Amino acid sequence: MQKESQKVCLPLSVNLTKCVTTCKNSEQYLMNFLQNLLPSSDMKSAADELRKTYIFSKLRSKATKNIKIKKKFLTTRKRILLGLGKISNNKNGLKYTDLLPLHELWLKYIQNILGDKFSSNATHNPIDSNWENINQQLIKADFHGAKISVVKSKCPSLVGINGIVVQDTKNTFKVCSTDNVIRTLPKDAIVMELYLHELTLQIYGKQLSIRPTERTVKKFKNAHTFEL
């Protein structure tokens, strides 16, 4: 029995298959194949057998539906545990020299925003209407990569800290100084200088105490005085 079962699995000899012609119609291909193998007396019964229908032939497998897989996002707790969005000097190992290309990219970005106003020839008259436009554009700008320096603060130890902004949050700036140390500056407590090539602007950090994504769409009222 084992020898007979092994013969069933063997491929047909070339002598049996060389006379069979290929056909797009599978039924016609089968008929051509049987016609070359079976005697003419058996061909009549073979045609009748092919016309029969069987119970299981009517059963069709249900087509698999395209099930939409819902994307799973990380929860806030998991993000905190993984340390995503958190910049630490020990973990990241950021250096001031590594951030200089980012600063050059930011200068091009701010130049496109301010346009012709981005020059040292800007008027120093605070009543000039151009300054209102500059203020509105600066408040809505992104400060990642900007070079800033603290000139006034409620906390005297913060005065003099300067560096490139590596993270801009709702209430703080994280800057990397020339000594490769990342320091956190509270916005509400500082007045800072912003360096745009030859042009230096002084900004109250309290004006920027909004998330960067929200600053771009928020409408700001003109305010001429701020208190630290």
Protein backbone atom coordinates (compact mmCIF):
# COMPACT_ATOMS: atom_id res chain seq x y z
CA MET A 1 0.00 0.00 0.00
CA GLN A 2 2.80 2.35 0.78
CA LYS A 3 4.33 1.84 -2.65
CA GLU A 4 0.98 2.58 -4.34
CA SER A 5 0.44 5.74 -2.28
CA GLN A 6 3.92 6.94 -3.22
CA LYS A 7 3.12 6.44 -6.93
CA VAL A 8 0.08 8.74 -6.63
CA CYS A 9 2.29 11.61 -5.53
CA LEU A 10 4.73 11.16 -8.41
CA PRO A 11 4.43 13.55 -11.39
CA LEU A 12 3.05 12.21 -14.68
CA SER A 13 5.52 11.06 -17.26
CA VAL A 14 6.42 13.32 -20.17
CA ASN A 15 4.89 10.86 -22.66
CA LEU A 16 1.45 11.45 -21.16
CA THR A 17 1.59 15.25 -20.97
CA LYS A 18 3.49 16.22 -24.14
CA CYS A 19 0.42 15.79 -26.37
CA VAL A 20 -1.84 17.97 -24.19
CA THR A 21 -2.40 21.50 -25.46
CA THR A 22 -2.95 24.40 -23.07
CA CYS A 23 -6.26 26.23 -23.04
CA LYS A 24 -7.60 29.26 -21.14
CA ASN A 25 -10.80 27.37 -20.38
CA SER A 26 -10.02 24.93 -17.51
CA GLU A 27 -12.87 22.56 -18.47
CA GLN A 28 -11.70 22.31 -22.07
CA TYR A 29 -8.13 21.75 -20.90
CA LEU A 30 -9.30 18.80 -18.77
CA MET A 31 -11.24 17.29 -21.67
CA ASN A 32 -8.19 17.52 -23.93
CA PHE A 33 -6.10 15.85 -21.26
CA LEU A 34 -8.55 12.93 -20.78
CA GLN A 35 -9.03 12.48 -24.51
CA ASN A 36 -5.33 11.70 -24.91
CA LEU A 37 -5.26 9.24 -21.99
CA LEU A 38 -8.60 7.39 -21.96
CA PRO A 39 -9.87 5.01 -24.64
CA SER A 40 -12.72 6.26 -26.82
CA SER A 41 -15.23 3.94 -25.08
CA ASP A 42 -14.67 5.72 -21.73
CA MET A 43 -14.88 9.25 -23.09
CA LYS A 44 -18.71 9.17 -23.18
CA SER A 45 -18.95 8.38 -19.46
CA ALA A 46 -16.23 10.94 -18.66
CA ALA A 47 -18.32 13.72 -20.23
CA ASP A 48 -21.34 12.68 -18.14
CA GLU A 49 -19.28 12.61 -14.94
CA LEU A 50 -18.03 16.15 -15.55
CA ARG A 51 -21.62 17.44 -15.85
CA LYS A 52 -22.55 16.19 -12.37
CA THR A 53 -22.79 18.63 -9.52
CA TYR A 54 -21.79 17.79 -5.98
CA ILE A 55 -23.17 19.13 -2.72
CA PHE A 56 -19.90 20.56 -1.47
CA SER A 57 -19.19 22.28 -4.75
CA LYS A 58 -21.99 24.76 -4.01
CA LEU A 59 -20.48 25.74 -0.69
CA ARG A 60 -18.22 28.74 -0.96
CA SER A 61 -16.00 30.10 1.72
CA LYS A 62 -17.05 33.48 3.02
CA ALA A 63 -14.88 36.24 1.70
CA THR A 64 -12.69 37.69 4.40
CA LYS A 65 -13.79 41.21 5.20
CA ASN A 66 -11.24 43.95 5.44
CA ILE A 67 -11.15 44.60 9.15
CA LYS A 68 -9.92 48.07 10.00
CA ILE A 69 -7.30 47.95 12.68
CA LYS A 70 -7.59 50.82 15.12
CA LYS A 71 -4.35 52.64 15.72
CA LYS A 72 -3.23 52.57 19.30
CA PHE A 73 -1.63 55.74 20.62
CA LEU A 74 0.50 56.07 23.70
CA THR A 75 -1.27 57.46 26.74
CA THR A 76 0.08 60.47 28.63
CA ARG A 77 1.24 58.23 31.47
CA LYS A 78 3.20 55.97 29.11
CA ARG A 79 4.80 58.98 27.45
CA ILE A 80 5.98 60.23 30.82
CA LEU A 81 7.36 56.80 31.75
CA LEU A 82 9.21 56.55 28.42
CA GLY A 83 10.57 60.07 28.83
CA LEU A 84 9.18 61.30 25.51
CA GLY A 85 9.30 65.08 25.10
CA LYS A 86 11.66 65.36 28.05
CA ILE A 87 15.06 66.90 27.45
CA SER A 88 17.73 66.12 29.98
CA ASN A 89 21.39 67.05 29.74
CA ASN A 90 22.53 63.68 31.05
CA LYS A 91 20.37 61.56 28.72
CA ASN A 92 20.56 63.52 25.48
CA GLY A 93 24.15 64.75 25.74
CA LEU A 94 23.38 67.86 23.67
CA LYS A 95 26.24 70.22 22.97
CA TYR A 96 26.12 73.89 22.07
CA THR A 97 28.11 73.31 18.88
CA ASP A 98 25.61 70.66 17.75
CA LEU A 99 22.82 73.27 17.91
CA LEU A 100 24.51 75.92 15.78
CA PRO A 101 23.06 74.49 12.50
CA LEU A 102 19.62 74.61 14.13
CA HIS A 103 20.19 78.28 14.97
CA GLU A 104 21.18 79.07 11.38
CA LEU A 105 18.02 77.34 10.18
CA TRP A 106 15.93 79.38 12.64
CA LEU A 107 17.47 82.63 11.37
CA LYS A 108 16.36 81.78 7.83
CA TYR A 109 12.91 80.91 9.15
CA ILE A 110 12.49 84.19 11.07
CA GLN A 111 13.85 86.15 8.09
CA ASN A 112 11.08 84.72 5.90
CA ILE A 113 8.50 85.75 8.50
CA LEU A 114 9.70 89.32 9.03
CA GLY A 115 10.75 89.96 5.43
CA ASP A 116 12.14 93.46 4.85
CA LYS A 117 11.80 94.29 8.55
CA PHE A 118 14.64 91.85 9.29
CA SER A 119 17.51 94.34 9.25
CA SER A 120 19.55 96.58 11.53
CA ASN A 121 18.04 99.64 9.80
CA ALA A 122 14.70 99.14 11.54
CA THR A 123 13.39 102.26 13.21
CA HIS A 124 13.97 102.64 16.97
CA ASN A 125 10.81 104.67 17.46
CA PRO A 126 8.47 102.51 19.63
CA ILE A 127 5.40 104.36 18.28
CA ASP A 128 6.13 103.29 14.71
CA SER A 129 3.34 101.09 13.31
CA ASN A 130 5.90 98.62 11.93
CA TRP A 131 6.78 97.53 15.45
CA GLU A 132 3.20 96.41 16.05
CA ASN A 133 3.45 94.10 13.04
CA ILE A 134 6.84 92.82 14.18
CA ASN A 135 5.50 92.12 17.67
CA GLN A 136 2.53 90.17 16.34
CA GLN A 137 4.73 88.09 14.06
CA LEU A 138 7.33 87.39 16.74
CA ILE A 139 4.75 86.30 19.31
CA LYS A 140 3.34 83.75 16.85
CA ALA A 141 6.78 82.49 15.76
CA ASP A 142 8.47 79.26 16.80
CA PHE A 143 11.52 79.82 19.03
CA HIS A 144 13.17 76.38 18.78
CA GLY A 145 16.70 77.28 17.68
CA ALA A 146 16.59 80.95 18.69
CA LYS A 147 19.52 82.47 20.56
CA ILE A 148 18.37 84.35 23.68
CA SER A 149 19.89 85.98 26.76
CA VAL A 150 18.24 86.96 30.06
CA VAL A 151 18.70 90.68 30.86
CA LYS A 152 16.14 91.11 33.67
CA SER A 153 14.51 88.67 36.04
CA LYS A 154 12.69 88.36 39.35
CA CYS A 155 15.38 85.84 40.23
CA PRO A 156 18.83 87.54 40.06
CA SER A 157 20.58 84.20 39.44
CA LEU A 158 18.89 83.93 36.03
CA VAL A 159 20.32 87.21 34.73
CA GLY A 160 23.09 86.62 32.22
CA ILE A 161 22.04 83.10 31.21
CA ASN A 162 22.19 82.76 27.44
CA GLY A 163 22.03 79.98 24.89
CA ILE A 164 20.02 78.34 22.10
CA VAL A 165 16.44 77.28 22.77
CA VAL A 166 16.06 73.50 22.57
CA GLN A 167 12.50 73.30 23.95
CA ASP A 168 9.68 75.84 24.07
CA THR A 169 6.82 74.86 26.42
CA LYS A 170 3.87 76.80 27.79
CA ASN A 171 5.68 78.28 30.77
CA THR A 172 9.39 77.65 30.19
CA PHE A 173 12.30 77.88 27.81
CA LYS A 174 15.02 75.23 27.91
CA VAL A 175 18.29 76.62 26.61
CA CYS A 176 21.66 75.01 25.99
CA SER A 177 24.49 77.37 26.96
CA THR A 178 28.05 77.46 25.72
CA ASP A 179 29.11 75.25 28.67
CA ASN A 180 26.83 72.47 27.26
CA VAL A 181 24.47 72.65 30.24
CA ILE A 182 20.70 72.77 29.64
CA ARG A 183 18.93 75.28 31.90
CA THR A 184 15.21 75.93 32.38
CA LEU A 185 14.01 79.55 32.27
CA PRO A 186 10.51 80.45 33.55
CA LYS A 187 8.88 82.77 31.02
CA ASP A 188 6.87 84.81 33.51
CA ALA A 189 9.98 85.81 35.43
CA ILE A 190 12.34 87.02 32.70
CA VAL A 191 12.97 89.73 30.15
CA MET A 192 15.16 88.39 27.36
CA GLU A 193 17.09 89.64 24.39
CA LEU A 194 16.56 87.93 21.03
CA TYR A 195 19.45 88.02 18.56
CA LEU A 196 18.66 88.31 14.85
CA HIS A 197 22.08 88.74 13.24
CA GLU A 198 22.87 92.45 13.81
CA LEU A 199 19.42 93.22 15.20
CA THR A 200 18.74 92.66 18.92
CA LEU A 201 15.20 92.75 20.29
CA GLN A 202 14.03 92.75 23.90
CA ILE A 203 10.99 90.62 24.69
CA TYR A 204 9.00 89.99 27.85
CA GLY A 205 8.78 86.25 28.44
CA LYS A 206 5.26 86.75 29.78
CA GLN A 207 4.11 87.51 26.22
CA LEU A 208 5.12 83.99 25.16
CA SER A 209 3.48 82.08 28.03
CA ILE A 210 1.38 80.04 25.60
CA ARG A 211 2.08 76.77 23.84
CA PRO A 212 3.77 77.33 20.45
CA THR A 213 0.95 75.54 18.60
CA GLU A 214 -1.65 77.81 20.24
CA ARG A 215 0.30 81.03 19.67
CA THR A 216 0.00 80.73 15.89
CA VAL A 217 -3.82 80.99 15.96
CA LYS A 218 -4.42 83.18 19.01
CA LYS A 219 -5.30 86.84 18.61
CA PHE A 220 -3.24 89.07 20.91
CA LYS A 221 -4.25 92.46 22.20
CA ASN A 222 -1.72 95.28 22.07
CA ALA A 223 -0.20 95.83 25.51
CA HIS A 224 2.53 98.42 25.98
CA THR A 225 3.50 97.76 29.63
CA PHE A 226 4.29 94.54 31.48
CA GLU A 227 5.31 93.91 35.05
CA LEU A 228 7.70 91.21 36.12
